[in-house]
């Protein structure tokens, strides 16, 4: 369906367009990706787990450090996969 821009009056704009191609007026409200925050948080927690894991390995807590490294890597990967899955 074609619509008219409410700002500049240009006609024949797709109703699927995000903004008017002539004046740039936003035709759709921008949405905040709430799920993106969840996945970014998971990536940050994974990175923190990796850092703590390295510190534990250096301070002779090898087993716990390796577990944290693996869990941290898993969290980072799942954060990227989750963000990709939900947002393309």
PDB file of N, CA and C in Angstrom:
ATOM      1  N   UNK A   1       0.829  -1.171   0.000  1.00  0.00           N
ATOM      2  CA  UNK A   1       0.000   0.000   0.000  1.00  0.00           C
ATOM      3  C   UNK A   1       0.880   1.243   0.000  1.00  0.00           C
ATOM      4  N   UNK A   2       0.519   2.226  -0.755  1.00  0.00           N
ATOM      5  CA  UNK A   2       1.287   3.458  -0.838  1.00  0.00           C
ATOM      6  C   UNK A   2       0.617   4.553  -0.014  1.00  0.00           C
ATOM      7  N   UNK A   3       1.446   5.341   0.672  1.00  0.00           N
ATOM      8  CA  UNK A   3       0.929   6.409   1.530  1.00  0.00           C
ATOM      9  C   UNK A   3       1.583   7.741   1.160  1.00  0.00           C
ATOM     10  N   UNK A   4       1.113   8.793   1.821  1.00  0.00           N
ATOM     11  CA  UNK A   4       1.644  10.135   1.607  1.00  0.00           C
ATOM     12  C   UNK A   4       2.425  10.547   2.854  1.00  0.00           C
ATOM     13  N   UNK A   5       3.587  11.180   2.658  1.00  0.00           N
ATOM     14  CA  UNK A   5       4.406  11.637   3.782  1.00  0.00           C
ATOM     15  C   UNK A   5       3.684  12.786   4.497  1.00  0.00           C
ATOM     16  N   UNK A   6       3.492  12.687   5.816  1.00  0.00           N
ATOM     17  CA  UNK A   6       2.808  13.758   6.533  1.00  0.00           C
ATOM     18  C   UNK A   6       3.655  15.026   6.672  1.00  0.00           C
ATOM     19  N   UNK A   7       4.942  14.928   6.463  1.00  0.00           N
ATOM     20  CA  UNK A   7       5.837  16.080   6.618  1.00  0.00           C
ATOM     21  C   UNK A   7       5.972  16.882   5.329  1.00  0.00           C
ATOM     22  N   UNK A   8       6.395  16.233   4.248  1.00  0.00           N
ATOM     23  CA  UNK A   8       6.684  16.965   3.002  1.00  0.00           C
ATOM     24  C   UNK A   8       5.599  16.784   1.939  1.00  0.00           C
ATOM     25  N   UNK A   9       4.709  15.835   2.125  1.00  0.00           N
ATOM     26  CA  UNK A   9       3.621  15.632   1.185  1.00  0.00           C
ATOM     27  C   UNK A   9       3.946  14.712   0.015  1.00  0.00           C
ATOM     28  N   UNK A  10       5.158  14.133  -0.007  1.00  0.00           N
ATOM     29  CA  UNK A  10       5.509  13.216  -1.102  1.00  0.00           C
ATOM     30  C   UNK A  10       4.548  12.039  -1.096  1.00  0.00           C
ATOM     31  N   UNK A  11       4.052  11.722  -2.260  1.00  0.00           N
ATOM     32  CA  UNK A  11       3.119  10.603  -2.379  1.00  0.00           C
ATOM     33  C   UNK A  11       3.847   9.363  -2.874  1.00  0.00           C
ATOM     34  N   UNK A  12       3.153   8.256  -2.841  1.00  0.00           N
ATOM     35  CA  UNK A  12       3.651   6.967  -3.323  1.00  0.00           C
ATOM     36  C   UNK A  12       4.841   6.452  -2.528  1.00  0.00           C
ATOM     37  N   UNK A  13       4.736   6.521  -1.195  1.00  0.00           N
ATOM     38  CA  UNK A  13       5.738   5.944  -0.305  1.00  0.00           C
ATOM     39  C   UNK A  13       5.153   4.650   0.228  1.00  0.00           C
ATOM     40  N   UNK A  14       5.949   3.618   0.242  1.00  0.00           N
ATOM     41  CA  UNK A  14       5.475   2.340   0.757  1.00  0.00           C
ATOM     42  C   UNK A  14       5.130   2.469   2.240  1.00  0.00           C
ATOM     43  N   UNK A  15       4.068   1.810   2.646  1.00  0.00           N
ATOM     44  CA  UNK A  15       3.714   1.830   4.068  1.00  0.00           C
ATOM     45  C   UNK A  15       4.692   1.002   4.905  1.00  0.00           C
ATOM     46  N   UNK A  16       5.588   0.276   4.250  1.00  0.00           N
ATOM     47  CA  UNK A  16       6.624  -0.496   4.937  1.00  0.00           C
ATOM     48  C   UNK A  16       7.902   0.313   5.142  1.00  0.00           C
ATOM     49  N   UNK A  17       7.984   1.504   4.523  1.00  0.00           N
ATOM     50  CA  UNK A  17       9.185   2.333   4.621  1.00  0.00           C
ATOM     51  C   UNK A  17       9.370   2.831   6.046  1.00  0.00           C
ATOM     52  N   UNK A  18      10.620   2.901   6.475  1.00  0.00           N
ATOM     53  CA  UNK A  18      10.939   3.390   7.810  1.00  0.00           C
ATOM     54  C   UNK A  18      10.908   4.912   7.835  1.00  0.00           C
ATOM     55  N   UNK A  19      11.350   5.539   6.727  1.00  0.00           N
ATOM     56  CA  UNK A  19      11.399   6.995   6.646  1.00  0.00           C
ATOM     57  C   UNK A  19      11.071   7.436   5.227  1.00  0.00           C
ATOM     58  N   UNK A  20      10.668   8.685   5.083  1.00  0.00           N
ATOM     59  CA  UNK A  20      10.389   9.250   3.769  1.00  0.00           C
ATOM     60  C   UNK A  20      11.690   9.381   2.980  1.00  0.00           C
ATOM     61  N   UNK A  21      11.727   8.905   1.741  1.00  0.00           N
ATOM     62  CA  UNK A  21      12.970   8.994   0.960  1.00  0.00           C
ATOM     63  C   UNK A  21      13.307  10.427   0.547  1.00  0.00           C
ATOM     64  N   UNK A  22      12.326  11.310   0.574  1.00  0.00           N
ATOM     65  CA  UNK A  22      12.571  12.700   0.159  1.00  0.00           C
ATOM     66  C   UNK A  22      13.089  13.551   1.319  1.00  0.00           C
ATOM     67  N   UNK A  23      12.373  13.541   2.452  1.00  0.00           N
ATOM     68  CA  UNK A  23      12.742  14.435   3.558  1.00  0.00           C
ATOM     69  C   UNK A  23      13.335  13.710   4.765  1.00  0.00           C
ATOM     70  N   UNK A  24      13.228  12.367   4.811  1.00  0.00           N
ATOM     71  CA  UNK A  24      13.781  11.599   5.926  1.00  0.00           C
ATOM     72  C   UNK A  24      12.880  11.522   7.140  1.00  0.00           C
ATOM     73  N   UNK A  25      11.668  12.029   7.030  1.00  0.00           N
ATOM     74  CA  UNK A  25      10.731  11.996   8.150  1.00  0.00           C
ATOM     75  C   UNK A  25      10.469  10.540   8.558  1.00  0.00           C
ATOM     76  N   UNK A  26      10.615  10.234   9.854  1.00  0.00           N
ATOM     77  CA  UNK A  26      10.382   8.842  10.277  1.00  0.00           C
ATOM     78  C   UNK A  26       8.903   8.480  10.180  1.00  0.00           C
ATOM     79  N   UNK A  27       8.623   7.431   9.436  1.00  0.00           N
ATOM     80  CA  UNK A  27       7.244   6.987   9.250  1.00  0.00           C
ATOM     81  C   UNK A  27       6.831   5.942  10.269  1.00  0.00           C
ATOM     82  N   UNK A  28       7.806   5.285  10.872  1.00  0.00           N
ATOM     83  CA  UNK A  28       7.533   4.293  11.902  1.00  0.00           C
ATOM     84  C   UNK A  28       8.279   4.699  13.153  1.00  0.00           C
ATOM     85  N   UNK A  29       7.655   4.481  14.285  1.00  0.00           N
ATOM     86  CA  UNK A  29       8.306   4.791  15.553  1.00  0.00           C
ATOM     87  C   UNK A  29       9.468   3.832  15.769  1.00  0.00           C
ATOM     88  N   UNK A  30      10.571   4.372  16.215  1.00  0.00           N
ATOM     89  CA  UNK A  30      11.734   3.533  16.514  1.00  0.00           C
ATOM     90  C   UNK A  30      11.440   2.723  17.773  1.00  0.00           C
ATOM     91  N   UNK A  31      11.804   1.474  17.747  1.00  0.00           N
ATOM     92  CA  UNK A  31      11.585   0.623  18.912  1.00  0.00           C
ATOM     93  C   UNK A  31      12.912   0.324  19.585  1.00  0.00           C
ATOM     94  N   UNK A  32      12.879   0.285  20.878  1.00  0.00           N
ATOM     95  CA  UNK A  32      14.069  -0.080  21.647  1.00  0.00           C
ATOM     96  C   UNK A  32      14.082  -1.593  21.761  1.00  0.00           C
ATOM     97  N   UNK A  33      15.178  -2.172  21.414  1.00  0.00           N
ATOM     98  CA  UNK A  33      15.272  -3.631  21.438  1.00  0.00           C
ATOM     99  C   UNK A  33      15.589  -4.087  22.857  1.00  0.00           C
ATOM    100  N   UNK A  34      14.529  -4.375  23.611  1.00  0.00           N
ATOM    101  CA  UNK A  34      14.702  -4.778  25.001  1.00  0.00           C
ATOM    102  C   UNK A  34      15.454  -6.098  25.104  1.00  0.00           C
ATOM    103  N   UNK A  35      15.224  -6.997  24.162  1.00  0.00           N
ATOM    104  CA  UNK A  35      15.916  -8.279  24.239  1.00  0.00           C
ATOM    105  C   UNK A  35      17.399  -8.112  23.955  1.00  0.00           C
ATOM    106  N   UNK A  36      17.775  -7.088  23.196  1.00  0.00           N
ATOM    107  CA  UNK A  36      19.185  -6.844  22.918  1.00  0.00           C
ATOM    108  C   UNK A  36      19.969  -6.600  24.198  1.00  0.00           C
ATOM    109  N   UNK A  37      19.356  -5.925  25.161  1.00  0.00           N
ATOM    110  CA  UNK A  37      20.022  -5.653  26.437  1.00  0.00           C
ATOM    111  C   UNK A  37      20.302  -6.948  27.186  1.00  0.00           C
ATOM    112  N   UNK A  38      19.359  -7.859  27.124  1.00  0.00           N
ATOM    113  CA  UNK A  38      19.536  -9.135  27.820  1.00  0.00           C
ATOM    114  C   UNK A  38      20.738  -9.895  27.247  1.00  0.00           C
ATOM    115  N   UNK A  39      20.863  -9.913  25.928  1.00  0.00           N
ATOM    116  CA  UNK A  39      21.959 -10.655  25.313  1.00  0.00           C
ATOM    117  C   UNK A  39      23.301  -9.943  25.488  1.00  0.00           C
ATOM    118  N   UNK A  40      23.290  -8.626  25.476  1.00  0.00           N
ATOM    119  CA  UNK A  40      24.528  -7.894  25.749  1.00  0.00           C
ATOM    120  C   UNK A  40      24.976  -8.132  27.183  1.00  0.00           C
ATOM    121  N   UNK A  41      24.021  -8.188  28.091  1.00  0.00           N
ATOM    122  CA  UNK A  41      24.345  -8.491  29.483  1.00  0.00           C
ATOM    123  C   UNK A  41      24.954  -9.873  29.628  1.00  0.00           C
ATOM    124  N   UNK A  42      24.432 -10.809  28.862  1.00  0.00           N
ATOM    125  CA  UNK A  42      24.979 -12.171  28.913  1.00  0.00           C
ATOM    126  C   UNK A  42      26.414 -12.199  28.382  1.00  0.00           C
ATOM    127  N   UNK A  43      26.681 -11.422  27.334  1.00  0.00           N
ATOM    128  CA  UNK A  43      28.038 -11.352  26.790  1.00  0.00           C
ATOM    129  C   UNK A  43      28.994 -10.718  27.787  1.00  0.00           C
ATOM    130  N   UNK A  44      28.537  -9.678  28.475  1.00  0.00           N
ATOM    131  CA  UNK A  44      29.384  -9.020  29.475  1.00  0.00           C
ATOM    132  C   UNK A  44      29.683  -9.976  30.629  1.00  0.00           C
ATOM    133  N   UNK A  45      28.664 -10.695  31.077  1.00  0.00           N
ATOM    134  CA  UNK A  45      28.891 -11.661  32.159  1.00  0.00           C
ATOM    135  C   UNK A  45      29.850 -12.768  31.714  1.00  0.00           C
ATOM    136  N   UNK A  46      29.753 -13.179  30.464  1.00  0.00           N
ATOM    137  CA  UNK A  46      30.676 -14.185  29.945  1.00  0.00           C
ATOM    138  C   UNK A  46      32.099 -13.672  29.918  1.00  0.00           C
ATOM    139  N   UNK A  47      32.282 -12.427  29.494  1.00  0.00           N
ATOM    140  CA  UNK A  47      33.626 -11.840  29.464  1.00  0.00           C
ATOM    141  C   UNK A  47      34.183 -11.713  30.876  1.00  0.00           C
ATOM    142  N   UNK A  48      33.327 -11.317  31.812  1.00  0.00           N
ATOM    143  CA  UNK A  48      33.766 -11.220  33.208  1.00  0.00           C
ATOM    144  C   UNK A  48      34.167 -12.592  33.750  1.00  0.00           C
ATOM    145  N   UNK A  49      33.409 -13.623  33.413  1.00  0.00           N
ATOM    146  CA  UNK A  49      33.742 -14.982  33.860  1.00  0.00           C
ATOM    147  C   UNK A  49      35.084 -15.424  33.281  1.00  0.00           C
ATOM    148  N   UNK A  50      35.363 -15.056  32.039  1.00  0.00           N
ATOM    149  CA  UNK A  50      36.640 -15.415  31.423  1.00  0.00           C
ATOM    150  C   UNK A  50      37.791 -14.726  32.138  1.00  0.00           C
ATOM    151  N   UNK A  51      37.630 -13.440  32.437  1.00  0.00           N
ATOM    152  CA  UNK A  51      38.688 -12.704  33.141  1.00  0.00           C
ATOM    153  C   UNK A  51      38.942 -13.312  34.520  1.00  0.00           C
ATOM    154  N   UNK A  52      37.868 -13.577  35.258  1.00  0.00           N
ATOM    155  CA  UNK A  52      38.027 -14.186  36.587  1.00  0.00           C
ATOM    156  C   UNK A  52      38.636 -15.584  36.453  1.00  0.00           C
ATOM    157  N   UNK A  53      38.241 -16.320  35.428  1.00  0.00           N
ATOM    158  CA  UNK A  53      38.820 -17.646  35.198  1.00  0.00           C
ATOM    159  C   UNK A  53      40.320 -17.584  34.973  1.00  0.00           C
ATOM    160  N   UNK A  54      40.775 -16.624  34.157  1.00  0.00           N
ATOM    161  CA  UNK A  54      42.218 -16.461  33.945  1.00  0.00           C
ATOM    162  C   UNK A  54      42.930 -16.108  35.247  1.00  0.00           C
ATOM    163  N   UNK A  55      42.337 -15.234  36.037  1.00  0.00           N
ATOM    164  CA  UNK A  55      42.948 -14.856  37.318  1.00  0.00           C
ATOM    165  C   UNK A  55      43.052 -16.074  38.229  1.00  0.00           C
ATOM    166  N   UNK A  56      42.015 -16.893  38.270  1.00  0.00           N
ATOM    167  CA  UNK A  56      42.050 -18.091  39.117  1.00  0.00           C
ATOM    168  C   UNK A  56      43.089 -19.096  38.628  1.00  0.00           C
ATOM    169  N   UNK A  57      43.238 -19.221  37.319  1.00  0.00           N
ATOM    170  CA  UNK A  57      44.262 -20.138  36.795  1.00  0.00           C
ATOM    171  C   UNK A  57      45.657 -19.661  37.193  1.00  0.00           C
ATOM    172  N   UNK A  58      45.889 -18.374  37.091  1.00  0.00           N
ATOM    173  CA  UNK A  58      47.205 -17.820  37.436  1.00  0.00           C
ATOM    174  C   UNK A  58      47.491 -17.969  38.927  1.00  0.00           C
ATOM    175  N   UNK A  59      46.442 -17.913  39.759  1.00  0.00           N
ATOM    176  CA  UNK A  59      46.638 -18.021  41.210  1.00  0.00           C
ATOM    177  C   UNK A  59      46.471 -19.456  41.711  1.00  0.00           C
ATOM    178  N   UNK A  60      46.735 -20.419  40.860  1.00  0.00           N
ATOM    179  CA  UNK A  60      46.758 -21.843  41.221  1.00  0.00           C
ATOM    180  C   UNK A  60      45.396 -22.423  41.625  1.00  0.00           C
ATOM    181  N   UNK A  61      44.336 -21.915  41.068  1.00  0.00           N
ATOM    182  CA  UNK A  61      43.009 -22.510  41.223  1.00  0.00           C
ATOM    183  C   UNK A  61      42.564 -22.976  39.840  1.00  0.00           C
ATOM    184  N   UNK A  62      43.319 -23.930  39.316  1.00  0.00           N
ATOM    185  CA  UNK A  62      43.196 -24.324  37.919  1.00  0.00           C
ATOM    186  C   UNK A  62      41.804 -24.848  37.563  1.00  0.00           C
ATOM    187  N   UNK A  63      41.273 -25.767  38.345  1.00  0.00           N
ATOM    188  CA  UNK A  63      39.997 -26.412  37.999  1.00  0.00           C
ATOM    189  C   UNK A  63      38.852 -25.401  37.947  1.00  0.00           C
ATOM    190  N   UNK A  64      38.753 -24.552  38.951  1.00  0.00           N
ATOM    191  CA  UNK A  64      37.681 -23.555  38.981  1.00  0.00           C
ATOM    192  C   UNK A  64      37.876 -22.548  37.849  1.00  0.00           C
ATOM    193  N   UNK A  65      39.125 -22.182  37.588  1.00  0.00           N
ATOM    194  CA  UNK A  65      39.421 -21.244  36.514  1.00  0.00           C
ATOM    195  C   UNK A  65      39.008 -21.774  35.150  1.00  0.00           C
ATOM    196  N   UNK A  66      39.292 -23.045  34.901  1.00  0.00           N
ATOM    197  CA  UNK A  66      38.920 -23.646  33.613  1.00  0.00           C
ATOM    198  C   UNK A  66      37.405 -23.707  33.469  1.00  0.00           C
ATOM    199  N   UNK A  67      36.718 -24.041  34.548  1.00  0.00           N
ATOM    200  CA  UNK A  67      35.255 -24.087  34.503  1.00  0.00           C
ATOM    201  C   UNK A  67      34.696 -22.702  34.174  1.00  0.00           C
ATOM    202  N   UNK A  68      35.239 -21.665  34.808  1.00  0.00           N
ATOM    203  CA  UNK A  68      34.768 -20.312  34.515  1.00  0.00           C
ATOM    204  C   UNK A  68      35.097 -19.898  33.088  1.00  0.00           C
ATOM    205  N   UNK A  69      36.254 -20.297  32.583  1.00  0.00           N
ATOM    206  CA  UNK A  69      36.589 -20.003  31.187  1.00  0.00           C
ATOM    207  C   UNK A  69      35.576 -20.627  30.234  1.00  0.00           C
ATOM    208  N   UNK A  70      35.254 -21.876  30.469  1.00  0.00           N
ATOM    209  CA  UNK A  70      34.305 -22.578  29.604  1.00  0.00           C
ATOM    210  C   UNK A  70      32.915 -21.956  29.708  1.00  0.00           C
ATOM    211  N   UNK A  71      32.464 -21.670  30.936  1.00  0.00           N
ATOM    212  CA  UNK A  71      31.148 -21.046  31.107  1.00  0.00           C
ATOM    213  C   UNK A  71      31.104 -19.645  30.494  1.00  0.00           C
ATOM    214  N   UNK A  72      32.194 -18.912  30.635  1.00  0.00           N
ATOM    215  CA  UNK A  72      32.252 -17.573  30.055  1.00  0.00           C
ATOM    216  C   UNK A  72      32.186 -17.618  28.542  1.00  0.00           C
ATOM    217  N   UNK A  73      32.929 -18.526  27.951  1.00  0.00           N
ATOM    218  CA  UNK A  73      32.899 -18.673  26.495  1.00  0.00           C
ATOM    219  C   UNK A  73      31.502 -19.085  26.033  1.00  0.00           C
ATOM    220  N   UNK A  74      30.886 -19.989  26.774  1.00  0.00           N
ATOM    221  CA  UNK A  74      29.521 -20.416  26.449  1.00  0.00           C
ATOM    222  C   UNK A  74      28.553 -19.232  26.511  1.00  0.00           C
ATOM    223  N   UNK A  75      28.658 -18.401  27.561  1.00  0.00           N
ATOM    224  CA  UNK A  75      27.774 -17.241  27.692  1.00  0.00           C
ATOM    225  C   UNK A  75      27.967 -16.251  26.548  1.00  0.00           C
ATOM    226  N   UNK A  76      29.203 -16.009  26.164  1.00  0.00           N
ATOM    227  CA  UNK A  76      29.454 -15.079  25.061  1.00  0.00           C
ATOM    228  C   UNK A  76      28.843 -15.612  23.767  1.00  0.00           C
ATOM    229  N   UNK A  77      29.061 -16.877  23.493  1.00  0.00           N
ATOM    230  CA  UNK A  77      28.510 -17.472  22.272  1.00  0.00           C
ATOM    231  C   UNK A  77      26.986 -17.440  22.297  1.00  0.00           C
ATOM    232  N   UNK A  78      26.388 -17.786  23.434  1.00  0.00           N
ATOM    233  CA  UNK A  78      24.924 -17.778  23.523  1.00  0.00           C
ATOM    234  C   UNK A  78      24.364 -16.364  23.430  1.00  0.00           C
ATOM    235  N   UNK A  79      25.115 -15.382  23.902  1.00  0.00           N
ATOM    236  CA  UNK A  79      24.678 -13.997  23.750  1.00  0.00           C
ATOM    237  C   UNK A  79      24.631 -13.581  22.294  1.00  0.00           C
ATOM    238  N   UNK A  80      25.677 -13.938  21.545  1.00  0.00           N
ATOM    239  CA  UNK A  80      25.692 -13.621  20.114  1.00  0.00           C
ATOM    240  C   UNK A  80      24.606 -14.384  19.357  1.00  0.00           C
ATOM    241  N   UNK A  81      24.456 -15.661  19.659  1.00  0.00           N
ATOM    242  CA  UNK A  81      23.444 -16.472  18.975  1.00  0.00           C
ATOM    243  C   UNK A  81      22.047 -15.956  19.308  1.00  0.00           C
ATOM    244  N   UNK A  82      21.796 -15.639  20.570  1.00  0.00           N
ATOM    245  CA  UNK A  82      20.487 -15.134  20.966  1.00  0.00           C
ATOM    246  C   UNK A  82      20.154 -13.816  20.292  1.00  0.00           C
ATOM    247  N   UNK A  83      21.122 -12.903  20.238  1.00  0.00           N
ATOM    248  CA  UNK A  83      20.891 -11.613  19.574  1.00  0.00           C
ATOM    249  C   UNK A  83      20.634 -11.821  18.097  1.00  0.00           C
ATOM    250  N   UNK A  84      21.392 -12.696  17.478  1.00  0.00           N
ATOM    251  CA  UNK A  84      21.193 -12.987  16.059  1.00  0.00           C
ATOM    252  C   UNK A  84      19.825 -13.610  15.818  1.00  0.00           C
ATOM    253  N   UNK A  85      19.454 -14.553  16.666  1.00  0.00           N
ATOM    254  CA  UNK A  85      18.207 -15.277  16.498  1.00  0.00           C
ATOM    255  C   UNK A  85      17.001 -14.348  16.607  1.00  0.00           C
ATOM    256  N   UNK A  86      17.046 -13.416  17.554  1.00  0.00           N
ATOM    257  CA  UNK A  86      15.886 -12.561  17.783  1.00  0.00           C
ATOM    258  C   UNK A  86      15.867 -11.297  16.949  1.00  0.00           C
ATOM    259  N   UNK A  87      17.008 -10.898  16.393  1.00  0.00           N
ATOM    260  CA  UNK A  87      17.050  -9.635  15.661  1.00  0.00           C
ATOM    261  C   UNK A  87      17.595  -9.769  14.251  1.00  0.00           C
ATOM    262  N   UNK A  88      17.861 -10.961  13.822  1.00  0.00           N
ATOM    263  CA  UNK A  88      18.332 -11.159  12.450  1.00  0.00           C
ATOM    264  C   UNK A  88      19.657 -10.673  12.281  1.00  0.00           C
TER     265      UNK A  88
END
